Amino acid sequence: MTTFDVLQRFGTLALIRHALTVLLFLALHLIRIPLVLLARILEWLMRRLNDYAAAQATRPQRGPVYQFFPHESPKEARYA
């Protein structure tokens, strides 16, 4: 069915509605492309940050761990 057949059978308004629908479909897909790229970049950054955080959390200590409170056994515990 050609454009002229649609125009003759359904009228100008139906042809315009169809053209607008197709243009809206194309516009939505063009808007979607940058959003998908942004989502992939965010995913890559979050994966890198997660790997960095996991590496920092599982790394063994290189120096002394400073204790701010003395270790006391329950017998030596002083209560105020």
Protein backbone atom coordinates (compact mmCIF):
# COMPACT_ATOMS: atom_id res chain seq x y z
CA MET A 1 0.00 0.00 0.00
CA THR A 2 1.55 3.30 -1.02
CA THR A 3 1.26 6.67 0.64
CA PHE A 4 -1.27 7.80 -1.92
CA ASP A 5 -3.42 4.71 -1.32
CA VAL A 6 -3.43 5.44 2.42
CA LEU A 7 -4.28 9.07 1.71
CA GLN A 8 -7.16 8.11 -0.57
CA ARG A 9 -8.54 5.35 1.67
CA PHE A 10 -8.14 6.82 5.19
CA GLY A 11 -7.71 10.55 4.61
CA THR A 12 -5.18 13.22 5.36
CA LEU A 13 -5.62 13.14 9.13
CA ALA A 14 -4.77 9.42 9.35
CA LEU A 15 -1.67 9.95 7.21
CA ILE A 16 -0.51 12.84 9.40
CA ARG A 17 -1.13 10.83 12.59
CA HIS A 18 0.90 7.93 11.19
CA ALA A 19 3.76 10.23 10.15
CA LEU A 20 3.81 11.87 13.60
CA THR A 21 3.81 8.47 15.28
CA VAL A 22 6.80 7.34 13.22
CA LEU A 23 8.65 10.61 13.96
CA LEU A 24 7.95 10.25 17.69
CA PHE A 25 9.24 6.67 17.58
CA LEU A 26 12.46 7.83 15.92
CA ALA A 27 12.87 10.76 18.33
CA LEU A 28 12.51 8.50 21.37
CA HIS A 29 15.18 6.17 20.03
CA LEU A 30 17.51 9.08 19.36
CA ILE A 31 16.98 10.33 22.93
CA ARG A 32 17.63 6.82 24.25
CA ILE A 33 21.14 6.53 22.76
CA PRO A 34 22.88 9.09 25.03
CA LEU A 35 21.04 7.73 28.06
CA VAL A 36 22.27 4.21 27.36
CA LEU A 37 25.83 5.50 26.92
CA LEU A 38 25.59 7.40 30.20
CA ALA A 39 24.32 4.27 31.97
CA ARG A 40 27.24 2.23 30.62
CA ILE A 41 29.76 4.86 31.72
CA LEU A 42 28.21 4.93 35.20
CA GLU A 43 28.31 1.14 35.35
CA TRP A 44 32.01 1.14 34.42
CA LEU A 45 32.82 3.79 37.06
CA MET A 46 30.88 1.97 39.76
CA ARG A 47 32.63 -1.29 38.92
CA ARG A 48 36.04 0.41 39.15
CA LEU A 49 35.13 2.01 42.50
CA ASN A 50 33.87 -1.31 43.83
CA ASP A 51 37.08 -3.08 42.81
CA TYR A 52 39.16 -0.34 44.43
CA ALA A 53 37.14 -0.46 47.66
CA ALA A 54 37.33 -4.25 47.80
CA ALA A 55 41.09 -4.17 47.24
CA GLN A 56 41.53 -1.60 50.02
CA ALA A 57 39.34 -3.53 52.44
CA THR A 58 41.09 -6.86 51.90
CA ARG A 59 44.66 -5.54 51.88
CA PRO A 60 46.76 -6.71 54.83
CA GLN A 61 47.98 -4.08 57.27
CA ARG A 62 51.48 -2.73 56.55
CA GLY A 63 52.12 -1.08 59.86
CA PRO A 64 50.96 -1.25 63.44
CA VAL A 65 47.32 -0.89 64.23
CA TYR A 66 47.03 1.81 66.85
CA GLN A 67 44.92 0.91 69.84
CA PHE A 68 43.56 3.85 71.76
CA PHE A 69 42.38 1.83 74.74
CA PRO A 70 44.62 -0.56 76.66
CA HIS A 71 43.73 -4.22 76.50
CA GLU A 72 42.69 -5.40 79.91
CA SER A 73 41.53 -8.76 81.02
CA PRO A 74 38.16 -8.94 82.80
CA LYS A 75 40.00 -9.34 86.14
CA GLU A 76 41.95 -6.15 85.56
CA ALA A 77 39.02 -4.09 84.35
CA ARG A 78 38.54 -0.96 86.36
CA TYR A 79 35.06 0.35 86.87
CA ALA A 80 34.52 3.95 87.81
